[in-house]
């Protein structure tokens, strides 16, 4: 792979927007790897997660961010908002992701943040495949044009490869010339332990997103990576004993089911057999406790 020369481009791109507009789906499609978990629940993404796309002509470092919150009551929401604002420093391009013909208070909050950003702005209007009345799209676009100085406006569905390829070509045109910023075989700046914890948390949210939408977190206690087997022990944290009972389920069935689904995802990602043990522990009001958040990796 040729990675040097005057034609090569490299730069940082931050993906921002309100909760549940499809930022993580877009990141995974752009880099063609699943490094950011996706569920139907808002607030699935809690950290900045970088995904790296390298080709012979360019390298793009995409940063997925949590959905920007208008609720600042608890410590974890404040943490997630800081992750968003921190992602807007020292970058080349911002992808402001909104949902087709839907604009609300949280979208407006993100737009206000971007007024102070010097990076090139691209408006990405996502979920085009769910839009029933195409005639409503043009007035929506015309309204958003007035809000920020967008260099490009790209309506798309993050689920469609051809749409994402078009967006990627527009991003590349805006990147500065330069050498690769990361090794060209690297797809993320996150550790494999972090990604493993996220895969497990994804299965918890898929199974219990209504009962325990935002009160769970996952830490990896043991991570032993051998040539043919990855042995792992994970703790799923909740805030109350009643939540612990829900997560374990009758005769441990719910926890076993979550573990089995997570193991399949982990084996696909690591391309080897995975032995996974899961435990459930209680940390009272961890979403409100700054020390607890740091202990769980929100630092």
C-alpha atoms as a PDB file:
ATOM      1  CA  UNK A   1       0.000   0.000   0.000  1.00  0.00           C
ATOM      2  CA  UNK A   2       1.412   3.376  -0.990  1.00  0.00           C
ATOM      3  CA  UNK A   3       0.992   5.768   1.915  1.00  0.00           C
ATOM      4  CA  UNK A   4       3.300   8.682   1.156  1.00  0.00           C
ATOM      5  CA  UNK A   5       3.640  11.415  -1.420  1.00  0.00           C
ATOM      6  CA  UNK A   6       2.208  14.843  -2.218  1.00  0.00           C
ATOM      7  CA  UNK A   7      -1.206  13.426  -3.171  1.00  0.00           C
ATOM      8  CA  UNK A   8      -1.805  11.577   0.092  1.00  0.00           C
ATOM      9  CA  UNK A   9      -4.356  13.104   2.484  1.00  0.00           C
ATOM     10  CA  UNK A  10      -4.959  12.532   6.172  1.00  0.00           C
ATOM     11  CA  UNK A  11      -7.152  14.175   8.767  1.00  0.00           C
ATOM     12  CA  UNK A  12      -9.596  14.016  11.663  1.00  0.00           C
ATOM     13  CA  UNK A  13     -13.379  13.940  11.260  1.00  0.00           C
ATOM     14  CA  UNK A  14     -15.794  14.218  14.194  1.00  0.00           C
ATOM     15  CA  UNK A  15     -19.319  12.784  13.958  1.00  0.00           C
ATOM     16  CA  UNK A  16     -21.783  14.684  16.161  1.00  0.00           C
ATOM     17  CA  UNK A  17     -25.530  14.935  16.642  1.00  0.00           C
ATOM     18  CA  UNK A  18     -28.336  14.368  19.103  1.00  0.00           C
ATOM     19  CA  UNK A  19     -29.002  10.874  20.488  1.00  0.00           C
ATOM     20  CA  UNK A  20     -30.272   8.141  18.171  1.00  0.00           C
ATOM     21  CA  UNK A  21     -29.656   9.761  14.769  1.00  0.00           C
ATOM     22  CA  UNK A  22     -27.415   6.943  13.528  1.00  0.00           C
ATOM     23  CA  UNK A  23     -23.902   8.223  14.238  1.00  0.00           C
ATOM     24  CA  UNK A  24     -22.517   4.820  15.241  1.00  0.00           C
ATOM     25  CA  UNK A  25     -24.128   3.062  12.284  1.00  0.00           C
ATOM     26  CA  UNK A  26     -22.538   5.660  10.025  1.00  0.00           C
ATOM     27  CA  UNK A  27     -19.090   5.203  11.596  1.00  0.00           C
ATOM     28  CA  UNK A  28     -19.214   1.425  11.231  1.00  0.00           C
ATOM     29  CA  UNK A  29     -20.281   1.728   7.599  1.00  0.00           C
ATOM     30  CA  UNK A  30     -17.566   4.278   6.815  1.00  0.00           C
ATOM     31  CA  UNK A  31     -14.713   2.155   8.165  1.00  0.00           C
ATOM     32  CA  UNK A  32     -16.325  -1.183   7.211  1.00  0.00           C
ATOM     33  CA  UNK A  33     -15.808  -2.634  10.689  1.00  0.00           C
ATOM     34  CA  UNK A  34     -18.064  -2.782  13.717  1.00  0.00           C
ATOM     35  CA  UNK A  35     -16.235  -0.899  16.453  1.00  0.00           C
ATOM     36  CA  UNK A  36     -19.115   1.216  17.754  1.00  0.00           C
ATOM     37  CA  UNK A  37     -22.067  -0.677  19.208  1.00  0.00           C
ATOM     38  CA  UNK A  38     -25.556   0.006  17.906  1.00  0.00           C
ATOM     39  CA  UNK A  39     -28.929  -0.445  19.603  1.00  0.00           C
ATOM     40  CA  UNK A  40     -32.378   1.095  19.229  1.00  0.00           C
ATOM     41  CA  UNK A  41     -31.931   2.995  22.497  1.00  0.00           C
ATOM     42  CA  UNK A  42     -30.573   6.554  22.713  1.00  0.00           C
ATOM     43  CA  UNK A  43     -27.359   7.062  24.696  1.00  0.00           C
ATOM     44  CA  UNK A  44     -25.859   3.754  23.549  1.00  0.00           C
ATOM     45  CA  UNK A  45     -22.531   5.468  22.773  1.00  0.00           C
ATOM     46  CA  UNK A  46     -20.895   6.870  25.914  1.00  0.00           C
ATOM     47  CA  UNK A  47     -17.311   7.566  24.873  1.00  0.00           C
ATOM     48  CA  UNK A  48     -15.410   9.049  21.989  1.00  0.00           C
ATOM     49  CA  UNK A  49     -14.538   6.115  19.744  1.00  0.00           C
ATOM     50  CA  UNK A  50     -12.129   6.590  16.845  1.00  0.00           C
ATOM     51  CA  UNK A  51     -12.424   4.495  13.717  1.00  0.00           C
ATOM     52  CA  UNK A  52      -9.598   4.635  11.191  1.00  0.00           C
ATOM     53  CA  UNK A  53     -10.106   4.260   7.426  1.00  0.00           C
ATOM     54  CA  UNK A  54      -6.885   3.803   5.421  1.00  0.00           C
ATOM     55  CA  UNK A  55      -6.543   3.525   1.649  1.00  0.00           C
ATOM     56  CA  UNK A  56      -3.552   4.012  -0.706  1.00  0.00           C
ATOM     57  CA  UNK A  57      -4.661   7.637  -1.219  1.00  0.00           C
ATOM     58  CA  UNK A  58      -5.881   8.802   2.199  1.00  0.00           C
ATOM     59  CA  UNK A  59      -6.401   8.086   5.882  1.00  0.00           C
ATOM     60  CA  UNK A  60      -9.451   9.377   7.779  1.00  0.00           C
ATOM     61  CA  UNK A  61      -9.670   9.234  11.559  1.00  0.00           C
ATOM     62  CA  UNK A  62     -13.385   9.328  12.368  1.00  0.00           C
ATOM     63  CA  UNK A  63     -14.549  10.049  15.927  1.00  0.00           C
ATOM     64  CA  UNK A  64     -17.949   8.740  16.983  1.00  0.00           C
ATOM     65  CA  UNK A  65     -19.410  10.684  19.905  1.00  0.00           C
ATOM     66  CA  UNK A  66     -22.274  10.277  22.382  1.00  0.00           C
ATOM     67  CA  UNK A  67     -25.557  11.948  21.520  1.00  0.00           C
ATOM     68  CA  UNK A  68     -25.540  15.478  22.935  1.00  0.00           C
ATOM     69  CA  UNK A  69     -27.794  15.714  26.015  1.00  0.00           C
ATOM     70  CA  UNK A  70     -30.099  18.487  27.167  1.00  0.00           C
ATOM     71  CA  UNK A  71     -30.412  16.707  30.526  1.00  0.00           C
ATOM     72  CA  UNK A  72     -27.420  17.616  32.704  1.00  0.00           C
ATOM     73  CA  UNK A  73     -28.798  16.261  35.973  1.00  0.00           C
ATOM     74  CA  UNK A  74     -26.486  13.295  36.457  1.00  0.00           C
ATOM     75  CA  UNK A  75     -22.727  12.899  36.205  1.00  0.00           C
ATOM     76  CA  UNK A  76     -22.742  10.450  33.316  1.00  0.00           C
ATOM     77  CA  UNK A  77     -24.741  12.828  31.087  1.00  0.00           C
ATOM     78  CA  UNK A  78     -22.325  15.631  31.876  1.00  0.00           C
ATOM     79  CA  UNK A  79     -19.457  13.278  31.058  1.00  0.00           C
ATOM     80  CA  UNK A  80     -20.990  12.392  27.682  1.00  0.00           C
ATOM     81  CA  UNK A  81     -21.496  16.058  26.790  1.00  0.00           C
ATOM     82  CA  UNK A  82     -17.845  16.753  27.583  1.00  0.00           C
ATOM     83  CA  UNK A  83     -16.895  13.915  25.235  1.00  0.00           C
ATOM     84  CA  UNK A  84     -18.802  15.702  22.462  1.00  0.00           C
ATOM     85  CA  UNK A  85     -17.291  19.137  23.067  1.00  0.00           C
ATOM     86  CA  UNK A  86     -13.776  17.698  23.418  1.00  0.00           C
ATOM     87  CA  UNK A  87     -14.137  15.962  20.047  1.00  0.00           C
ATOM     88  CA  UNK A  88     -14.501  19.340  18.322  1.00  0.00           C
ATOM     89  CA  UNK A  89     -10.939  20.495  19.008  1.00  0.00           C
ATOM     90  CA  UNK A  90      -8.120  20.132  16.464  1.00  0.00           C
ATOM     91  CA  UNK A  91     -10.169  18.490  13.734  1.00  0.00           C
ATOM     92  CA  UNK A  92     -10.524  19.057  10.012  1.00  0.00           C
ATOM     93  CA  UNK A  93     -14.157  18.174   9.287  1.00  0.00           C
ATOM     94  CA  UNK A  94     -17.357  17.855  11.342  1.00  0.00           C
ATOM     95  CA  UNK A  95     -20.215  15.638  10.243  1.00  0.00           C
ATOM     96  CA  UNK A  96     -23.380  17.056  11.834  1.00  0.00           C
ATOM     97  CA  UNK A  97     -25.831  14.163  11.641  1.00  0.00           C
ATOM     98  CA  UNK A  98     -29.565  14.851  11.785  1.00  0.00           C
ATOM     99  CA  UNK A  99     -32.600  12.726  10.989  1.00  0.00           C
ATOM    100  CA  UNK A 100     -34.545  13.369   7.797  1.00  0.00           C
ATOM    101  CA  UNK A 101     -37.265  16.037   8.336  1.00  0.00           C
ATOM    102  CA  UNK A 102     -36.904  15.871  12.134  1.00  0.00           C
ATOM    103  CA  UNK A 103     -35.453  18.804  14.070  1.00  0.00           C
ATOM    104  CA  UNK A 104     -35.736  19.311  17.797  1.00  0.00           C
ATOM    105  CA  UNK A 105     -34.223  20.960  20.839  1.00  0.00           C
ATOM    106  CA  UNK A 106     -31.204  18.642  20.991  1.00  0.00           C
ATOM    107  CA  UNK A 107     -30.426  19.258  17.304  1.00  0.00           C
ATOM    108  CA  UNK A 108     -30.508  22.994  17.999  1.00  0.00           C
ATOM    109  CA  UNK A 109     -28.129  22.538  20.960  1.00  0.00           C
ATOM    110  CA  UNK A 110     -25.606  20.783  18.720  1.00  0.00           C
ATOM    111  CA  UNK A 111     -25.970  23.513  16.089  1.00  0.00           C
ATOM    112  CA  UNK A 112     -25.187  26.108  18.754  1.00  0.00           C
ATOM    113  CA  UNK A 113     -22.014  24.197  19.701  1.00  0.00           C
ATOM    114  CA  UNK A 114     -20.878  24.157  16.088  1.00  0.00           C
ATOM    115  CA  UNK A 115     -21.154  27.934  15.686  1.00  0.00           C
ATOM    116  CA  UNK A 116     -17.797  28.270  17.452  1.00  0.00           C
ATOM    117  CA  UNK A 117     -16.053  25.514  15.476  1.00  0.00           C
ATOM    118  CA  UNK A 118     -13.554  26.453  12.771  1.00  0.00           C
ATOM    119  CA  UNK A 119     -13.523  23.049  11.027  1.00  0.00           C
ATOM    120  CA  UNK A 120     -15.331  22.451   7.747  1.00  0.00           C
ATOM    121  CA  UNK A 121     -18.967  21.478   8.349  1.00  0.00           C
ATOM    122  CA  UNK A 122     -20.888  18.815   6.457  1.00  0.00           C
ATOM    123  CA  UNK A 123     -24.578  18.321   7.214  1.00  0.00           C
ATOM    124  CA  UNK A 124     -25.526  14.638   6.984  1.00  0.00           C
ATOM    125  CA  UNK A 125     -29.279  14.033   6.760  1.00  0.00           C
ATOM    126  CA  UNK A 126     -29.631  10.391   7.770  1.00  0.00           C
ATOM    127  CA  UNK A 127     -32.417   7.787   7.682  1.00  0.00           C
ATOM    128  CA  UNK A 128     -33.483   8.762   4.190  1.00  0.00           C
ATOM    129  CA  UNK A 129     -34.713   5.191   3.705  1.00  0.00           C
ATOM    130  CA  UNK A 130     -37.371   5.784   6.386  1.00  0.00           C
ATOM    131  CA  UNK A 131     -38.713   8.970   4.818  1.00  0.00           C
ATOM    132  CA  UNK A 132     -42.250   8.441   3.488  1.00  0.00           C
ATOM    133  CA  UNK A 133     -42.799  11.804   1.813  1.00  0.00           C
ATOM    134  CA  UNK A 134     -39.767  12.790  -0.284  1.00  0.00           C
ATOM    135  CA  UNK A 135     -41.402  16.103  -1.085  1.00  0.00           C
ATOM    136  CA  UNK A 136     -40.778  17.203   2.519  1.00  0.00           C
ATOM    137  CA  UNK A 137     -37.006  16.873   2.163  1.00  0.00           C
ATOM    138  CA  UNK A 138     -36.278  19.986   0.082  1.00  0.00           C
ATOM    139  CA  UNK A 139     -38.045  22.459   2.449  1.00  0.00           C
ATOM    140  CA  UNK A 140     -36.224  20.785   5.339  1.00  0.00           C
ATOM    141  CA  UNK A 141     -32.854  21.240   3.617  1.00  0.00           C
ATOM    142  CA  UNK A 142     -33.612  24.864   2.774  1.00  0.00           C
ATOM    143  CA  UNK A 143     -34.441  25.552   6.408  1.00  0.00           C
ATOM    144  CA  UNK A 144     -31.218  23.963   7.688  1.00  0.00           C
ATOM    145  CA  UNK A 145     -29.069  25.881   5.202  1.00  0.00           C
ATOM    146  CA  UNK A 146     -29.746  28.999   7.242  1.00  0.00           C
ATOM    147  CA  UNK A 147     -28.493  27.568  10.516  1.00  0.00           C
ATOM    148  CA  UNK A 148     -24.778  27.047   9.794  1.00  0.00           C
ATOM    149  CA  UNK A 149     -22.305  27.597   6.930  1.00  0.00           C
ATOM    150  CA  UNK A 150     -22.298  24.039   5.627  1.00  0.00           C
ATOM    151  CA  UNK A 151     -19.737  23.241   2.931  1.00  0.00           C
ATOM    152  CA  UNK A 152     -21.869  20.268   1.837  1.00  0.00           C
ATOM    153  CA  UNK A 153     -25.305  18.839   2.596  1.00  0.00           C
ATOM    154  CA  UNK A 154     -25.567  15.091   2.055  1.00  0.00           C
ATOM    155  CA  UNK A 155     -28.895  13.259   2.418  1.00  0.00           C
ATOM    156  CA  UNK A 156     -28.304   9.524   2.838  1.00  0.00           C
ATOM    157  CA  UNK A 157     -29.080   6.273   4.536  1.00  0.00           C
ATOM    158  CA  UNK A 158     -26.143   5.052   6.627  1.00  0.00           C
ATOM    159  CA  UNK A 159     -27.300   1.528   5.788  1.00  0.00           C
ATOM    160  CA  UNK A 160     -26.587   1.967   2.066  1.00  0.00           C
ATOM    161  CA  UNK A 161     -22.989   1.581   0.914  1.00  0.00           C
ATOM    162  CA  UNK A 162     -23.356   3.781  -2.176  1.00  0.00           C
ATOM    163  CA  UNK A 163     -24.681   6.691  -0.079  1.00  0.00           C
ATOM    164  CA  UNK A 164     -21.780   6.422   2.349  1.00  0.00           C
ATOM    165  CA  UNK A 165     -19.255   6.199  -0.494  1.00  0.00           C
ATOM    166  CA  UNK A 166     -20.533   9.538  -1.804  1.00  0.00           C
ATOM    167  CA  UNK A 167     -20.143  11.115   1.636  1.00  0.00           C
ATOM    168  CA  UNK A 168     -16.633   9.707   1.980  1.00  0.00           C
ATOM    169  CA  UNK A 169     -15.565  11.206  -1.353  1.00  0.00           C
ATOM    170  CA  UNK A 170     -16.738  14.632  -0.192  1.00  0.00           C
ATOM    171  CA  UNK A 171     -14.820  14.265   3.063  1.00  0.00           C
ATOM    172  CA  UNK A 172     -11.609  13.307   1.273  1.00  0.00           C
ATOM    173  CA  UNK A 173     -11.836  16.437  -0.885  1.00  0.00           C
ATOM    174  CA  UNK A 174     -11.708  18.539   2.304  1.00  0.00           C
ATOM    175  CA  UNK A 175      -8.772  16.824   4.015  1.00  0.00           C
ATOM    176  CA  UNK A 176      -5.288  18.362   4.178  1.00  0.00           C
ATOM    177  CA  UNK A 177      -2.302  16.734   2.494  1.00  0.00           C
ATOM    178  CA  UNK A 178      -0.048  14.771   4.797  1.00  0.00           C
ATOM    179  CA  UNK A 179       1.267  11.397   5.832  1.00  0.00           C
ATOM    180  CA  UNK A 180      -0.754   8.766   7.752  1.00  0.00           C
ATOM    181  CA  UNK A 181      -1.423   9.620  11.369  1.00  0.00           C
ATOM    182  CA  UNK A 182      -1.884   5.998  12.501  1.00  0.00           C
ATOM    183  CA  UNK A 183      -0.526   2.645  11.262  1.00  0.00           C
ATOM    184  CA  UNK A 184      -2.452   1.748   8.114  1.00  0.00           C
ATOM    185  CA  UNK A 185      -3.581  -1.636   9.511  1.00  0.00           C
ATOM    186  CA  UNK A 186      -5.101  -0.086  12.652  1.00  0.00           C
ATOM    187  CA  UNK A 187      -8.901   0.327  12.695  1.00  0.00           C
ATOM    188  CA  UNK A 188      -9.414   1.968  16.099  1.00  0.00           C
ATOM    189  CA  UNK A 189      -7.568   3.714  18.906  1.00  0.00           C
ATOM    190  CA  UNK A 190      -9.506   1.674  21.466  1.00  0.00           C
ATOM    191  CA  UNK A 191      -8.102  -1.462  23.092  1.00  0.00           C
ATOM    192  CA  UNK A 192      -9.517  -4.914  22.446  1.00  0.00           C
ATOM    193  CA  UNK A 193     -10.578  -5.073  26.116  1.00  0.00           C
ATOM    194  CA  UNK A 194     -12.648  -1.914  25.638  1.00  0.00           C
ATOM    195  CA  UNK A 195     -14.280  -3.257  22.472  1.00  0.00           C
ATOM    196  CA  UNK A 196     -15.062  -6.569  24.192  1.00  0.00           C
ATOM    197  CA  UNK A 197     -16.787  -4.743  27.049  1.00  0.00           C
ATOM    198  CA  UNK A 198     -18.831  -2.751  24.537  1.00  0.00           C
ATOM    199  CA  UNK A 199     -20.008  -5.880  22.712  1.00  0.00           C
ATOM    200  CA  UNK A 200     -21.276  -7.273  26.015  1.00  0.00           C
ATOM    201  CA  UNK A 201     -22.985  -4.005  26.932  1.00  0.00           C
ATOM    202  CA  UNK A 202     -24.676  -3.976  23.527  1.00  0.00           C
ATOM    203  CA  UNK A 203     -26.313  -7.334  24.274  1.00  0.00           C
ATOM    204  CA  UNK A 204     -27.455  -6.114  27.694  1.00  0.00           C
ATOM    205  CA  UNK A 205     -29.095  -3.072  26.105  1.00  0.00           C
ATOM    206  CA  UNK A 206     -30.693  -5.128  23.349  1.00  0.00           C
ATOM    207  CA  UNK A 207     -32.230  -7.529  25.850  1.00  0.00           C
ATOM    208  CA  UNK A 208     -33.042  -5.104  28.664  1.00  0.00           C
ATOM    209  CA  UNK A 209     -33.173  -1.697  26.997  1.00  0.00           C
ATOM    210  CA  UNK A 210     -36.642  -0.994  28.383  1.00  0.00           C
ATOM    211  CA  UNK A 211     -36.065  -2.312  31.901  1.00  0.00           C
ATOM    212  CA  UNK A 212     -32.488  -1.050  32.388  1.00  0.00           C
ATOM    213  CA  UNK A 213     -31.931   1.501  29.635  1.00  0.00           C
ATOM    214  CA  UNK A 214     -28.977   3.473  31.012  1.00  0.00           C
ATOM    215  CA  UNK A 215     -28.117   1.891  34.359  1.00  0.00           C
ATOM    216  CA  UNK A 216     -25.619  -0.740  33.214  1.00  0.00           C
ATOM    217  CA  UNK A 217     -21.920  -0.658  32.480  1.00  0.00           C
ATOM    218  CA  UNK A 218     -19.359  -3.381  31.788  1.00  0.00           C
ATOM    219  CA  UNK A 219     -15.768  -3.891  32.870  1.00  0.00           C
ATOM    220  CA  UNK A 220     -13.362  -6.640  31.787  1.00  0.00           C
ATOM    221  CA  UNK A 221     -11.633  -8.286  34.757  1.00  0.00           C
ATOM    222  CA  UNK A 222      -9.708 -11.057  32.966  1.00  0.00           C
ATOM    223  CA  UNK A 223      -8.526 -10.932  29.351  1.00  0.00           C
ATOM    224  CA  UNK A 224      -6.236 -13.825  28.402  1.00  0.00           C
ATOM    225  CA  UNK A 225      -5.582 -13.921  24.664  1.00  0.00           C
ATOM    226  CA  UNK A 226      -4.014 -17.158  23.447  1.00  0.00           C
ATOM    227  CA  UNK A 227      -3.528 -18.315  19.834  1.00  0.00           C
ATOM    228  CA  UNK A 228      -6.686 -20.431  19.690  1.00  0.00           C
ATOM    229  CA  UNK A 229      -8.726 -19.247  22.683  1.00  0.00           C
ATOM    230  CA  UNK A 230      -9.645 -15.926  24.260  1.00  0.00           C
ATOM    231  CA  UNK A 231     -10.608 -16.340  27.915  1.00  0.00           C
ATOM    232  CA  UNK A 232     -12.522 -13.476  29.407  1.00  0.00           C
ATOM    233  CA  UNK A 233     -14.285 -12.552  32.635  1.00  0.00           C
ATOM    234  CA  UNK A 234     -16.624  -9.548  32.639  1.00  0.00           C
ATOM    235  CA  UNK A 235     -18.593  -7.725  35.304  1.00  0.00           C
ATOM    236  CA  UNK A 236     -21.901  -6.066  34.444  1.00  0.00           C
ATOM    237  CA  UNK A 237     -22.612  -3.214  36.840  1.00  0.00           C
ATOM    238  CA  UNK A 238     -26.057  -2.014  37.909  1.00  0.00           C
ATOM    239  CA  UNK A 239     -27.278   0.480  40.505  1.00  0.00           C
ATOM    240  CA  UNK A 240     -29.780  -1.534  42.565  1.00  0.00           C
ATOM    241  CA  UNK A 241     -30.431  -5.093  43.719  1.00  0.00           C
ATOM    242  CA  UNK A 242     -33.734  -5.140  41.868  1.00  0.00           C
ATOM    243  CA  UNK A 243     -31.841  -4.383  38.634  1.00  0.00           C
ATOM    244  CA  UNK A 244     -29.392  -7.167  39.411  1.00  0.00           C
ATOM    245  CA  UNK A 245     -32.293  -9.622  39.747  1.00  0.00           C
ATOM    246  CA  UNK A 246     -33.714  -8.536  36.379  1.00  0.00           C
ATOM    247  CA  UNK A 247     -30.341  -8.923  34.681  1.00  0.00           C
ATOM    248  CA  UNK A 248     -29.697 -12.388  36.090  1.00  0.00           C
ATOM    249  CA  UNK A 249     -33.264 -13.593  35.462  1.00  0.00           C
ATOM    250  CA  UNK A 250     -34.979 -16.705  36.754  1.00  0.00           C
ATOM    251  CA  UNK A 251     -32.432 -19.499  37.258  1.00  0.00           C
ATOM    252  CA  UNK A 252     -29.838 -17.254  35.622  1.00  0.00           C
ATOM    253  CA  UNK A 253     -31.461 -17.595  32.194  1.00  0.00           C
ATOM    254  CA  UNK A 254     -31.271 -13.939  31.185  1.00  0.00           C
ATOM    255  CA  UNK A 255     -27.578 -13.619  32.050  1.00  0.00           C
ATOM    256  CA  UNK A 256     -26.777 -16.883  30.262  1.00  0.00           C
ATOM    257  CA  UNK A 257     -28.621 -15.698  27.175  1.00  0.00           C
ATOM    258  CA  UNK A 258     -26.783 -12.360  27.147  1.00  0.00           C
ATOM    259  CA  UNK A 259     -23.468 -14.146  27.582  1.00  0.00           C
ATOM    260  CA  UNK A 260     -24.204 -16.563  24.732  1.00  0.00           C
ATOM    261  CA  UNK A 261     -25.140 -13.743  22.327  1.00  0.00           C
ATOM    262  CA  UNK A 262     -22.093 -11.697  23.312  1.00  0.00           C
ATOM    263  CA  UNK A 263     -19.797 -14.684  22.824  1.00  0.00           C
ATOM    264  CA  UNK A 264     -20.977 -15.093  19.220  1.00  0.00           C
ATOM    265  CA  UNK A 265     -20.206 -11.429  18.489  1.00  0.00           C
ATOM    266  CA  UNK A 266     -16.809 -11.694  20.190  1.00  0.00           C
ATOM    267  CA  UNK A 267     -15.852 -14.838  18.269  1.00  0.00           C
ATOM    268  CA  UNK A 268     -16.740 -13.121  14.997  1.00  0.00           C
ATOM    269  CA  UNK A 269     -14.684 -10.064  15.917  1.00  0.00           C
ATOM    270  CA  UNK A 270     -11.605 -11.884  17.235  1.00  0.00           C
ATOM    271  CA  UNK A 271     -11.847 -14.803  14.768  1.00  0.00           C
ATOM    272  CA  UNK A 272     -11.264 -17.396  17.476  1.00  0.00           C
ATOM    273  CA  UNK A 273     -13.076 -19.305  20.196  1.00  0.00           C
ATOM    274  CA  UNK A 274     -14.075 -17.270  23.238  1.00  0.00           C
ATOM    275  CA  UNK A 275     -14.641 -18.499  26.774  1.00  0.00           C
ATOM    276  CA  UNK A 276     -16.714 -15.869  28.559  1.00  0.00           C
ATOM    277  CA  UNK A 277     -17.751 -15.652  32.202  1.00  0.00           C
ATOM    278  CA  UNK A 278     -20.145 -12.891  33.265  1.00  0.00           C
ATOM    279  CA  UNK A 279     -20.908 -11.576  36.745  1.00  0.00           C
ATOM    280  CA  UNK A 280     -23.375  -8.970  37.956  1.00  0.00           C
ATOM    281  CA  UNK A 281     -22.473  -6.508  40.701  1.00  0.00           C
ATOM    282  CA  UNK A 282     -24.219  -3.541  42.285  1.00  0.00           C
ATOM    283  CA  UNK A 283     -22.687  -0.078  42.600  1.00  0.00           C
ATOM    284  CA  UNK A 284     -25.275   2.217  44.131  1.00  0.00           C
ATOM    285  CA  UNK A 285     -26.048   5.323  42.050  1.00  0.00           C
ATOM    286  CA  UNK A 286     -22.921   4.916  39.913  1.00  0.00           C
ATOM    287  CA  UNK A 287     -24.323   7.235  37.230  1.00  0.00           C
ATOM    288  CA  UNK A 288     -24.315  10.047  39.819  1.00  0.00           C
ATOM    289  CA  UNK A 289     -20.953   9.287  41.433  1.00  0.00           C
ATOM    290  CA  UNK A 290     -17.847  10.802  39.826  1.00  0.00           C
ATOM    291  CA  UNK A 291     -15.499   8.383  41.650  1.00  0.00           C
ATOM    292  CA  UNK A 292     -17.586   5.408  40.552  1.00  0.00           C
ATOM    293  CA  UNK A 293     -17.603   6.675  36.970  1.00  0.00           C
ATOM    294  CA  UNK A 294     -13.794   6.839  36.970  1.00  0.00           C
ATOM    295  CA  UNK A 295     -13.611   3.324  38.396  1.00  0.00           C
ATOM    296  CA  UNK A 296     -15.816   2.116  35.534  1.00  0.00           C
ATOM    297  CA  UNK A 297     -13.675   3.794  32.895  1.00  0.00           C
ATOM    298  CA  UNK A 298     -15.440   7.136  32.431  1.00  0.00           C
ATOM    299  CA  UNK A 299     -12.317   9.193  32.961  1.00  0.00           C
END
